[in-house]
Each structure stands twice: as structure tokens, then as C-alpha cells.
């Protein structure tokens, strides 16, 4: 199991990303608009920089929903390789058969 503080910190980041997503998208579009005056684009970048750092989507870490493990993460299943193996061996995941030779 991962530290509870690390998992909670990541959840807080996810909430911030959702909260600021619309504002961040609008400012980013304004900053990248080639038809807008240079001063407006610069001001949009300044406003974007004033937003909380943890509201950026790339600061969220993919973590296993079972254990909170940050590495060996399968996006499709939202769990780590270790949790996948344990649940698969226990017969909790339909269609998954552990290979042995």
C-alpha cells in the first residue's frame, strides 16, 4: 500500500484539475491565438501562470485504485500489475487466466 498522504495529495490534484479546467482551457486558447494582439496573449500567459500549479493536468499521477501504487499502472484497468496478478489469481477478474509453463 502507498502512503495515504501521497494518495490524498493526488486526489486533491485531481479536484483542482477539474475545478480549473475550463478557466485554464480558455486562457490557453487566448494565449495561443495568433490573431489576438501580442499584449493580450502575454496577459493571458500571466494569468495562466497565476493559477495553482497543481491545477495542471500533467501533475496528476496515475495510481492503482486498489493499492495506490504509482508504478506498473495499466490505464485500461486502473490498477497496478501486482494488484492485477493477485486479483486474477483469486479469480476476481473475469476472463483473466494466469499463465504458467
PDB file of N, CA and C in Angstrom:
ATOM      1  N   UNK A   1       0.826  -1.190   0.000  1.00  0.00           N
ATOM      2  CA  UNK A   1       0.000   0.000   0.000  1.00  0.00           C
ATOM      3  C   UNK A   1       0.868   1.250   0.000  1.00  0.00           C
ATOM      4  N   UNK A   2       0.429   2.219  -0.759  1.00  0.00           N
ATOM      5  CA  UNK A   2       1.127   3.503  -0.814  1.00  0.00           C
ATOM      6  C   UNK A   2       0.776   4.311   0.433  1.00  0.00           C
ATOM      7  N   UNK A   3       1.602   5.315   0.709  1.00  0.00           N
ATOM      8  CA  UNK A   3       1.309   6.198   1.838  1.00  0.00           C
ATOM      9  C   UNK A   3      -0.023   6.896   1.587  1.00  0.00           C
ATOM     10  N   UNK A   4      -0.806   6.971   2.625  1.00  0.00           N
ATOM     11  CA  UNK A   4      -2.128   7.591   2.489  1.00  0.00           C
ATOM     12  C   UNK A   4      -2.007   9.064   2.101  1.00  0.00           C
ATOM     13  N   UNK A   5      -0.953   9.730   2.613  1.00  0.00           N
ATOM     14  CA  UNK A   5      -0.770  11.148   2.297  1.00  0.00           C
ATOM     15  C   UNK A   5      -0.513  11.352   0.805  1.00  0.00           C
ATOM     16  N   UNK A   6       0.243  10.436   0.185  1.00  0.00           N
ATOM     17  CA  UNK A   6       0.532  10.552  -1.249  1.00  0.00           C
ATOM     18  C   UNK A   6      -0.736  10.357  -2.074  1.00  0.00           C
ATOM     19  N   UNK A   7      -1.558   9.405  -1.660  1.00  0.00           N
ATOM     20  CA  UNK A   7      -2.813   9.138  -2.382  1.00  0.00           C
ATOM     21  C   UNK A   7      -3.755  10.335  -2.244  1.00  0.00           C
ATOM     22  N   UNK A   8      -3.849  10.885  -1.032  1.00  0.00           N
ATOM     23  CA  UNK A   8      -4.731  12.031  -0.797  1.00  0.00           C
ATOM     24  C   UNK A   8      -4.251  13.275  -1.541  1.00  0.00           C
ATOM     25  N   UNK A   9      -2.944  13.465  -1.597  1.00  0.00           N
ATOM     26  CA  UNK A   9      -2.378  14.608  -2.332  1.00  0.00           C
ATOM     27  C   UNK A   9      -2.745  14.512  -3.812  1.00  0.00           C
ATOM     28  N   UNK A  10      -2.705  13.296  -4.349  1.00  0.00           N
ATOM     29  CA  UNK A  10      -3.052  13.088  -5.748  1.00  0.00           C
ATOM     30  C   UNK A  10      -4.544  13.342  -5.987  1.00  0.00           C
ATOM     31  N   UNK A  11      -5.378  12.959  -5.023  1.00  0.00           N
ATOM     32  CA  UNK A  11      -6.819  13.213  -5.145  1.00  0.00           C
ATOM     33  C   UNK A  11      -7.103  14.713  -5.120  1.00  0.00           C
ATOM     34  N   UNK A  12      -6.363  15.435  -4.293  1.00  0.00           N
ATOM     35  CA  UNK A  12      -6.514  16.889  -4.222  1.00  0.00           C
ATOM     36  C   UNK A  12      -6.142  17.517  -5.569  1.00  0.00           C
ATOM     37  N   UNK A  13      -5.077  17.004  -6.185  1.00  0.00           N
ATOM     38  CA  UNK A  13      -4.671  17.498  -7.504  1.00  0.00           C
ATOM     39  C   UNK A  13      -5.769  17.245  -8.529  1.00  0.00           C
ATOM     40  N   UNK A  14      -6.392  16.068  -8.469  1.00  0.00           N
ATOM     41  CA  UNK A  14      -7.476  15.752  -9.409  1.00  0.00           C
ATOM     42  C   UNK A  14      -8.644  16.725  -9.255  1.00  0.00           C
ATOM     43  N   UNK A  15      -8.984  17.055  -8.005  1.00  0.00           N
ATOM     44  CA  UNK A  15     -10.072  18.010  -7.760  1.00  0.00           C
ATOM     45  C   UNK A  15      -9.721  19.389  -8.318  1.00  0.00           C
ATOM     46  N   UNK A  16      -8.464  19.821  -8.137  1.00  0.00           N
ATOM     47  CA  UNK A  16      -8.034  21.121  -8.650  1.00  0.00           C
ATOM     48  C   UNK A  16      -8.056  21.156 -10.178  1.00  0.00           C
ATOM     49  N   UNK A  17      -7.658  20.053 -10.804  1.00  0.00           N
ATOM     50  CA  UNK A  17      -7.671  19.979 -12.273  1.00  0.00           C
ATOM     51  C   UNK A  17      -9.096  20.154 -12.780  1.00  0.00           C
ATOM     52  N   UNK A  18     -10.063  19.479 -12.142  1.00  0.00           N
ATOM     53  CA  UNK A  18     -11.464  19.608 -12.555  1.00  0.00           C
ATOM     54  C   UNK A  18     -11.983  21.020 -12.335  1.00  0.00           C
ATOM     55  N   UNK A  19     -11.593  21.615 -11.204  1.00  0.00           N
ATOM     56  CA  UNK A  19     -12.090  22.936 -10.851  1.00  0.00           C
ATOM     57  C   UNK A  19     -11.621  24.004 -11.839  1.00  0.00           C
ATOM     58  N   UNK A  20     -10.360  23.960 -12.240  1.00  0.00           N
ATOM     59  CA  UNK A  20      -9.767  24.995 -13.084  1.00  0.00           C
ATOM     60  C   UNK A  20      -9.708  24.623 -14.571  1.00  0.00           C
ATOM     61  N   UNK A  21     -10.280  23.496 -14.964  1.00  0.00           N
ATOM     62  CA  UNK A  21     -10.147  23.027 -16.351  1.00  0.00           C
ATOM     63  C   UNK A  21     -10.686  24.039 -17.360  1.00  0.00           C
ATOM     64  N   UNK A  22     -11.872  24.562 -17.121  1.00  0.00           N
ATOM     65  CA  UNK A  22     -12.490  25.492 -18.078  1.00  0.00           C
ATOM     66  C   UNK A  22     -11.696  26.798 -18.157  1.00  0.00           C
ATOM     67  N   UNK A  23     -11.325  27.330 -17.008  1.00  0.00           N
ATOM     68  CA  UNK A  23     -10.572  28.589 -16.971  1.00  0.00           C
ATOM     69  C   UNK A  23      -9.216  28.426 -17.653  1.00  0.00           C
ATOM     70  N   UNK A  24      -8.560  27.292 -17.370  1.00  0.00           N
ATOM     71  CA  UNK A  24      -7.250  27.014 -17.951  1.00  0.00           C
ATOM     72  C   UNK A  24      -7.352  26.867 -19.467  1.00  0.00           C
ATOM     73  N   UNK A  25      -8.386  26.192 -19.940  1.00  0.00           N
ATOM     74  CA  UNK A  25      -8.572  25.994 -21.383  1.00  0.00           C
ATOM     75  C   UNK A  25      -8.825  27.325 -22.092  1.00  0.00           C
ATOM     76  N   UNK A  26      -9.640  28.181 -21.468  1.00  0.00           N
ATOM     77  CA  UNK A  26      -9.940  29.482 -22.076  1.00  0.00           C
ATOM     78  C   UNK A  26      -8.685  30.352 -22.161  1.00  0.00           C
ATOM     79  N   UNK A  27      -7.907  30.390 -21.087  1.00  0.00           N
ATOM     80  CA  UNK A  27      -6.676  31.191 -21.087  1.00  0.00           C
ATOM     81  C   UNK A  27      -5.653  30.635 -22.069  1.00  0.00           C
ATOM     82  N   UNK A  28      -5.583  29.318 -22.162  1.00  0.00           N
ATOM     83  CA  UNK A  28      -4.631  28.704 -23.080  1.00  0.00           C
ATOM     84  C   UNK A  28      -4.999  29.007 -24.533  1.00  0.00           C
ATOM     85  N   UNK A  29      -6.294  28.964 -24.837  1.00  0.00           N
ATOM     86  CA  UNK A  29      -6.750  29.280 -26.190  1.00  0.00           C
ATOM     87  C   UNK A  29      -6.454  30.738 -26.529  1.00  0.00           C
ATOM     88  N   UNK A  30      -6.644  31.618 -25.554  1.00  0.00           N
ATOM     89  CA  UNK A  30      -6.372  33.040 -25.756  1.00  0.00           C
ATOM     90  C   UNK A  30      -4.874  33.278 -25.959  1.00  0.00           C
ATOM     91  N   UNK A  31      -4.043  32.559 -25.215  1.00  0.00           N
ATOM     92  CA  UNK A  31      -2.593  32.733 -25.305  1.00  0.00           C
ATOM     93  C   UNK A  31      -2.038  32.207 -26.630  1.00  0.00           C
ATOM     94  N   UNK A  32      -2.687  31.218 -27.194  1.00  0.00           N
ATOM     95  CA  UNK A  32      -2.193  30.611 -28.439  1.00  0.00           C
ATOM     96  C   UNK A  32      -2.844  31.184 -29.695  1.00  0.00           C
ATOM     97  N   UNK A  33      -3.790  32.116 -29.535  1.00  0.00           N
ATOM     98  CA  UNK A  33      -4.487  32.722 -30.670  1.00  0.00           C
ATOM     99  C   UNK A  33      -3.557  33.688 -31.404  1.00  0.00           C
ATOM    100  N   UNK A  34      -3.225  33.345 -32.637  1.00  0.00           N
ATOM    101  CA  UNK A  34      -2.303  34.170 -33.437  1.00  0.00           C
ATOM    102  C   UNK A  34      -2.928  35.484 -33.889  1.00  0.00           C
ATOM    103  N   UNK A  35      -4.252  35.543 -33.959  1.00  0.00           N
ATOM    104  CA  UNK A  35      -4.934  36.751 -34.429  1.00  0.00           C
ATOM    105  C   UNK A  35      -5.064  37.809 -33.334  1.00  0.00           C
ATOM    106  N   UNK A  36      -4.901  37.409 -32.083  1.00  0.00           N
ATOM    107  CA  UNK A  36      -5.038  38.354 -30.962  1.00  0.00           C
ATOM    108  C   UNK A  36      -3.782  39.219 -30.854  1.00  0.00           C
ATOM    109  N   UNK A  37      -3.916  40.419 -30.303  1.00  0.00           N
ATOM    110  CA  UNK A  37      -2.742  41.278 -30.114  1.00  0.00           C
ATOM    111  C   UNK A  37      -1.741  40.640 -29.141  1.00  0.00           C
ATOM    112  N   UNK A  38      -0.495  40.986 -29.333  1.00  0.00           N
ATOM    113  CA  UNK A  38       0.587  40.404 -28.530  1.00  0.00           C
ATOM    114  C   UNK A  38       0.404  40.685 -27.038  1.00  0.00           C
ATOM    115  N   UNK A  39      -0.074  41.875 -26.720  1.00  0.00           N
ATOM    116  CA  UNK A  39      -0.252  42.257 -25.312  1.00  0.00           C
ATOM    117  C   UNK A  39      -1.326  41.393 -24.627  1.00  0.00           C
ATOM    118  N   UNK A  40      -2.415  41.120 -25.344  1.00  0.00           N
ATOM    119  CA  UNK A  40      -3.480  40.275 -24.786  1.00  0.00           C
ATOM    120  C   UNK A  40      -2.985  38.847 -24.563  1.00  0.00           C
ATOM    121  N   UNK A  41      -2.209  38.354 -25.523  1.00  0.00           N
ATOM    122  CA  UNK A  41      -1.660  37.000 -25.397  1.00  0.00           C
ATOM    123  C   UNK A  41      -0.712  36.914 -24.204  1.00  0.00           C
ATOM    124  N   UNK A  42       0.083  37.951 -24.014  1.00  0.00           N
ATOM    125  CA  UNK A  42       1.031  37.983 -22.897  1.00  0.00           C
ATOM    126  C   UNK A  42       0.286  38.016 -21.560  1.00  0.00           C
ATOM    127  N   UNK A  43      -0.779  38.836 -21.492  1.00  0.00           N
ATOM    128  CA  UNK A  43      -1.583  38.910 -20.271  1.00  0.00           C
ATOM    129  C   UNK A  43      -2.264  37.573 -19.960  1.00  0.00           C
ATOM    130  N   UNK A  44      -2.688  36.866 -21.003  1.00  0.00           N
ATOM    131  CA  UNK A  44      -3.299  35.547 -20.809  1.00  0.00           C
ATOM    132  C   UNK A  44      -2.283  34.576 -20.222  1.00  0.00           C
ATOM    133  N   UNK A  45      -1.046  34.658 -20.691  1.00  0.00           N
ATOM    134  CA  UNK A  45       0.013  33.777 -20.146  1.00  0.00           C
ATOM    135  C   UNK A  45       0.310  34.114 -18.686  1.00  0.00           C
ATOM    136  N   UNK A  46       0.273  35.402 -18.343  1.00  0.00           N
ATOM    137  CA  UNK A  46       0.495  35.792 -16.954  1.00  0.00           C
ATOM    138  C   UNK A  46      -0.617  35.261 -16.047  1.00  0.00           C
ATOM    139  N   UNK A  47      -1.862  35.356 -16.513  1.00  0.00           N
ATOM    140  CA  UNK A  47      -2.988  34.836 -15.737  1.00  0.00           C
ATOM    141  C   UNK A  47      -2.898  33.322 -15.595  1.00  0.00           C
ATOM    142  N   UNK A  48      -2.446  32.677 -16.652  1.00  0.00           N
ATOM    143  CA  UNK A  48      -2.272  31.222 -16.631  1.00  0.00           C
ATOM    144  C   UNK A  48      -1.209  30.813 -15.610  1.00  0.00           C
ATOM    145  N   UNK A  49      -0.163  31.611 -15.514  1.00  0.00           N
ATOM    146  CA  UNK A  49       0.918  31.328 -14.570  1.00  0.00           C
ATOM    147  C   UNK A  49       0.484  31.564 -13.127  1.00  0.00           C
ATOM    148  N   UNK A  50      -0.531  32.405 -12.925  1.00  0.00           N
ATOM    149  CA  UNK A  50      -1.009  32.686 -11.562  1.00  0.00           C
ATOM    150  C   UNK A  50      -1.923  31.597 -11.024  1.00  0.00           C
ATOM    151  N   UNK A  51      -2.426  30.729 -11.892  1.00  0.00           N
ATOM    152  CA  UNK A  51      -3.264  29.622 -11.428  1.00  0.00           C
ATOM    153  C   UNK A  51      -2.417  28.670 -10.585  1.00  0.00           C
ATOM    154  N   UNK A  52      -3.045  27.912  -9.692  1.00  0.00           N
ATOM    155  CA  UNK A  52      -2.278  26.970  -8.870  1.00  0.00           C
ATOM    156  C   UNK A  52      -1.552  25.936  -9.729  1.00  0.00           C
ATOM    157  N   UNK A  53      -0.329  25.609  -9.336  1.00  0.00           N
ATOM    158  CA  UNK A  53       0.452  24.633 -10.101  1.00  0.00           C
ATOM    159  C   UNK A  53      -0.235  23.283 -10.174  1.00  0.00           C
ATOM    160  N   UNK A  54      -0.844  22.883  -9.078  1.00  0.00           N
ATOM    161  CA  UNK A  54      -1.475  21.563  -9.039  1.00  0.00           C
ATOM    162  C   UNK A  54      -2.772  21.494  -9.845  1.00  0.00           C
ATOM    163  N   UNK A  55      -3.168  22.587 -10.478  1.00  0.00           N
ATOM    164  CA  UNK A  55      -4.353  22.542 -11.339  1.00  0.00           C
ATOM    165  C   UNK A  55      -3.990  22.137 -12.768  1.00  0.00           C
ATOM    166  N   UNK A  56      -2.705  21.931 -13.031  1.00  0.00           N
ATOM    167  CA  UNK A  56      -2.274  21.471 -14.357  1.00  0.00           C
ATOM    168  C   UNK A  56      -2.467  19.956 -14.447  1.00  0.00           C
ATOM    169  N   UNK A  57      -3.068  19.473 -15.536  1.00  0.00           N
ATOM    170  CA  UNK A  57      -3.370  18.043 -15.637  1.00  0.00           C
ATOM    171  C   UNK A  57      -2.145  17.136 -15.611  1.00  0.00           C
ATOM    172  N   UNK A  58      -0.998  17.628 -16.052  1.00  0.00           N
ATOM    173  CA  UNK A  58       0.172  16.751 -16.099  1.00  0.00           C
ATOM    174  C   UNK A  58       0.808  16.535 -14.720  1.00  0.00           C
ATOM    175  N   UNK A  59       0.280  17.193 -13.675  1.00  0.00           N
ATOM    176  CA  UNK A  59       0.791  16.981 -12.320  1.00  0.00           C
ATOM    177  C   UNK A  59       0.086  15.826 -11.610  1.00  0.00           C
ATOM    178  N   UNK A  60      -0.993  15.315 -12.212  1.00  0.00           N
ATOM    179  CA  UNK A  60      -1.713  14.182 -11.633  1.00  0.00           C
ATOM    180  C   UNK A  60      -0.973  12.896 -11.991  1.00  0.00           C
ATOM    181  N   UNK A  61      -0.789  12.047 -10.987  1.00  0.00           N
ATOM    182  CA  UNK A  61      -0.072  10.793 -11.175  1.00  0.00           C
ATOM    183  C   UNK A  61      -1.082   9.658 -11.285  1.00  0.00           C
ATOM    184  N   UNK A  62      -0.895   8.781 -12.265  1.00  0.00           N
ATOM    185  CA  UNK A  62      -1.755   7.604 -12.376  1.00  0.00           C
ATOM    186  C   UNK A  62      -1.409   6.653 -11.236  1.00  0.00           C
ATOM    187  N   UNK A  63      -2.405   6.311 -10.424  1.00  0.00           N
ATOM    188  CA  UNK A  63      -2.195   5.417  -9.291  1.00  0.00           C
ATOM    189  C   UNK A  63      -3.216   4.288  -9.321  1.00  0.00           C
ATOM    190  N   UNK A  64      -2.805   3.146  -8.821  1.00  0.00           N
ATOM    191  CA  UNK A  64      -3.669   1.977  -8.706  1.00  0.00           C
ATOM    192  C   UNK A  64      -4.827   2.304  -7.770  1.00  0.00           C
ATOM    193  N   UNK A  65      -6.050   1.975  -8.181  1.00  0.00           N
ATOM    194  CA  UNK A  65      -7.208   2.245  -7.338  1.00  0.00           C
ATOM    195  C   UNK A  65      -7.331   1.260  -6.194  1.00  0.00           C
ATOM    196  N   UNK A  66      -6.647   0.124  -6.291  1.00  0.00           N
ATOM    197  CA  UNK A  66      -6.702  -0.890  -5.234  1.00  0.00           C
ATOM    198  C   UNK A  66      -5.671  -0.588  -4.154  1.00  0.00           C
ATOM    199  N   UNK A  67      -4.419  -0.361  -4.578  1.00  0.00           N
ATOM    200  CA  UNK A  67      -3.327  -0.206  -3.613  1.00  0.00           C
ATOM    201  C   UNK A  67      -2.751   1.202  -3.544  1.00  0.00           C
ATOM    202  N   UNK A  68      -2.945   2.013  -4.583  1.00  0.00           N
ATOM    203  CA  UNK A  68      -2.368   3.352  -4.615  1.00  0.00           C
ATOM    204  C   UNK A  68      -0.965   3.372  -5.185  1.00  0.00           C
ATOM    205  N   UNK A  69      -0.498   2.229  -5.688  1.00  0.00           N
ATOM    206  CA  UNK A  69       0.854   2.130  -6.231  1.00  0.00           C
ATOM    207  C   UNK A  69       1.003   2.991  -7.481  1.00  0.00           C
ATOM    208  N   UNK A  70       2.090   3.805  -7.578  1.00  0.00           N
ATOM    209  CA  UNK A  70       2.232   4.711  -8.717  1.00  0.00           C
ATOM    210  C   UNK A  70       2.907   4.091  -9.942  1.00  0.00           C
ATOM    211  N   UNK A  71       3.560   2.964  -9.785  1.00  0.00           N
ATOM    212  CA  UNK A  71       4.292   2.374 -10.920  1.00  0.00           C
ATOM    213  C   UNK A  71       3.635   1.081 -11.368  1.00  0.00           C
ATOM    214  N   UNK A  72       3.933   0.689 -12.613  1.00  0.00           N
ATOM    215  CA  UNK A  72       3.367  -0.542 -13.155  1.00  0.00           C
ATOM    216  C   UNK A  72       1.857  -0.430 -13.299  1.00  0.00           C
ATOM    217  N   UNK A  73       1.390   0.722 -13.777  1.00  0.00           N
ATOM    218  CA  UNK A  73      -0.033   1.035 -13.842  1.00  0.00           C
ATOM    219  C   UNK A  73      -0.592   0.710 -15.219  1.00  0.00           C
ATOM    220  N   UNK A  74      -1.715  -0.028 -15.248  1.00  0.00           N
ATOM    221  CA  UNK A  74      -2.420  -0.308 -16.501  1.00  0.00           C
ATOM    222  C   UNK A  74      -3.595   0.662 -16.601  1.00  0.00           C
ATOM    223  N   UNK A  75      -3.574   1.534 -17.597  1.00  0.00           N
ATOM    224  CA  UNK A  75      -4.618   2.551 -17.729  1.00  0.00           C
ATOM    225  C   UNK A  75      -5.999   1.948 -17.955  1.00  0.00           C
ATOM    226  N   UNK A  76      -6.053   0.922 -18.767  1.00  0.00           N
ATOM    227  CA  UNK A  76      -7.336   0.330 -19.116  1.00  0.00           C
ATOM    228  C   UNK A  76      -8.048  -0.249 -17.893  1.00  0.00           C
ATOM    229  N   UNK A  77      -7.282  -0.806 -16.971  1.00  0.00           N
ATOM    230  CA  UNK A  77      -7.855  -1.450 -15.788  1.00  0.00           C
ATOM    231  C   UNK A  77      -7.793  -0.576 -14.544  1.00  0.00           C
ATOM    232  N   UNK A  78      -7.050   0.531 -14.605  1.00  0.00           N
ATOM    233  CA  UNK A  78      -6.849   1.446 -13.487  1.00  0.00           C
ATOM    234  C   UNK A  78      -6.281   0.751 -12.260  1.00  0.00           C
ATOM    235  N   UNK A  79      -5.353  -0.183 -12.489  1.00  0.00           N
ATOM    236  CA  UNK A  79      -4.699  -0.849 -11.372  1.00  0.00           C
ATOM    237  C   UNK A  79      -3.280  -1.241 -11.750  1.00  0.00           C
ATOM    238  N   UNK A  80      -2.484  -1.538 -10.722  1.00  0.00           N
ATOM    239  CA  UNK A  80      -1.088  -1.886 -10.945  1.00  0.00           C
ATOM    240  C   UNK A  80      -0.962  -3.352 -11.343  1.00  0.00           C
ATOM    241  N   UNK A  81       0.188  -3.706 -11.837  1.00  0.00           N
ATOM    242  CA  UNK A  81       0.437  -5.072 -12.295  1.00  0.00           C
ATOM    243  C   UNK A  81       0.340  -6.068 -11.146  1.00  0.00           C
ATOM    244  N   UNK A  82       0.763  -5.646  -9.956  1.00  0.00           N
ATOM    245  CA  UNK A  82       0.751  -6.543  -8.802  1.00  0.00           C
ATOM    246  C   UNK A  82      -0.683  -6.825  -8.347  1.00  0.00           C
ATOM    247  N   UNK A  83      -1.502  -5.762  -8.266  1.00  0.00           N
ATOM    248  CA  UNK A  83      -2.905  -5.937  -7.886  1.00  0.00           C
ATOM    249  C   UNK A  83      -3.639  -6.768  -8.936  1.00  0.00           C
ATOM    250  N   UNK A  84      -3.306  -6.560 -10.205  1.00  0.00           N
ATOM    251  CA  UNK A  84      -3.918  -7.320 -11.290  1.00  0.00           C
ATOM    252  C   UNK A  84      -3.602  -8.801 -11.143  1.00  0.00           C
ATOM    253  N   UNK A  85      -2.376  -9.126 -10.839  1.00  0.00           N
ATOM    254  CA  UNK A  85      -1.975 -10.527 -10.682  1.00  0.00           C
ATOM    255  C   UNK A  85      -2.673 -11.174  -9.487  1.00  0.00           C
ATOM    256  N   UNK A  86      -2.731 -10.454  -8.363  1.00  0.00           N
ATOM    257  CA  UNK A  86      -3.366 -11.007  -7.162  1.00  0.00           C
ATOM    258  C   UNK A  86      -4.859 -11.234  -7.380  1.00  0.00           C
ATOM    259  N   UNK A  87      -5.543 -10.237  -7.959  1.00  0.00           N
ATOM    260  CA  UNK A  87      -6.976 -10.391  -8.214  1.00  0.00           C
ATOM    261  C   UNK A  87      -7.247 -11.449  -9.285  1.00  0.00           C
ATOM    262  N   UNK A  88      -6.356 -11.541 -10.273  1.00  0.00           N
ATOM    263  CA  UNK A  88      -6.505 -12.559 -11.310  1.00  0.00           C
ATOM    264  C   UNK A  88      -6.319 -13.961 -10.763  1.00  0.00           C
ATOM    265  N   UNK A  89      -5.352 -14.140  -9.873  1.00  0.00           N
ATOM    266  CA  UNK A  89      -5.110 -15.452  -9.261  1.00  0.00           C
ATOM    267  C   UNK A  89      -6.274 -15.849  -8.359  1.00  0.00           C
ATOM    268  N   UNK A  90      -6.909 -14.867  -7.742  1.00  0.00           N
ATOM    269  CA  UNK A  90      -8.054 -15.139  -6.865  1.00  0.00           C
ATOM    270  C   UNK A  90      -9.340 -15.348  -7.665  1.00  0.00           C
ATOM    271  N   UNK A  91      -9.288 -15.157  -8.988  1.00  0.00           N
ATOM    272  CA  UNK A  91     -10.457 -15.360  -9.836  1.00  0.00           C
ATOM    273  C   UNK A  91     -11.446 -14.207  -9.778  1.00  0.00           C
ATOM    274  N   UNK A  92     -10.960 -13.016  -9.407  1.00  0.00           N
ATOM    275  CA  UNK A  92     -11.845 -11.861  -9.264  1.00  0.00           C
ATOM    276  C   UNK A  92     -12.019 -11.096 -10.578  1.00  0.00           C
ATOM    277  N   UNK A  93     -11.155 -11.369 -11.577  1.00  0.00           N
ATOM    278  CA  UNK A  93     -11.240 -10.656 -12.860  1.00  0.00           C
ATOM    279  C   UNK A  93     -11.694 -11.645 -13.927  1.00  0.00           C
ATOM    280  N   UNK A  94     -12.883 -11.437 -14.492  1.00  0.00           N
ATOM    281  CA  UNK A  94     -13.401 -12.388 -15.485  1.00  0.00           C
ATOM    282  C   UNK A  94     -12.541 -12.386 -16.759  1.00  0.00           C
ATOM    283  N   UNK A  95     -12.283 -13.598 -17.248  1.00  0.00           N
ATOM    284  CA  UNK A  95     -11.545 -13.753 -18.488  1.00  0.00           C
ATOM    285  C   UNK A  95     -10.047 -13.746 -18.332  1.00  0.00           C
ATOM    286  N   UNK A  96      -9.533 -13.492 -17.149  1.00  0.00           N
ATOM    287  CA  UNK A  96      -8.101 -13.437 -16.924  1.00  0.00           C
ATOM    288  C   UNK A  96      -7.631 -14.784 -16.364  1.00  0.00           C
ATOM    289  N   UNK A  97      -6.676 -15.390 -17.074  1.00  0.00           N
ATOM    290  CA  UNK A  97      -6.122 -16.675 -16.635  1.00  0.00           C
ATOM    291  C   UNK A  97      -4.625 -16.492 -16.458  1.00  0.00           C
ATOM    292  N   UNK A  98      -4.117 -16.880 -15.297  1.00  0.00           N
ATOM    293  CA  UNK A  98      -2.681 -16.765 -15.024  1.00  0.00           C
ATOM    294  C   UNK A  98      -1.950 -17.809 -15.852  1.00  0.00           C
ATOM    295  N   UNK A  99      -0.917 -17.354 -16.518  1.00  0.00           N
ATOM    296  CA  UNK A  99      -0.143 -18.242 -17.380  1.00  0.00           C
ATOM    297  C   UNK A  99       0.942 -18.940 -16.564  1.00  0.00           C
ATOM    298  N   UNK A 100       1.131 -20.224 -16.811  1.00  0.00           N
ATOM    299  CA  UNK A 100       2.236 -20.956 -16.182  1.00  0.00           C
ATOM    300  C   UNK A 100       2.730 -22.001 -17.166  1.00  0.00           C
ATOM    301  N   UNK A 101       4.046 -22.180 -17.202  1.00  0.00           N
ATOM    302  CA  UNK A 101       4.622 -23.154 -18.142  1.00  0.00           C
ATOM    303  C   UNK A 101       5.783 -23.873 -17.523  1.00  0.00           C
TER     304      UNK A 101
END
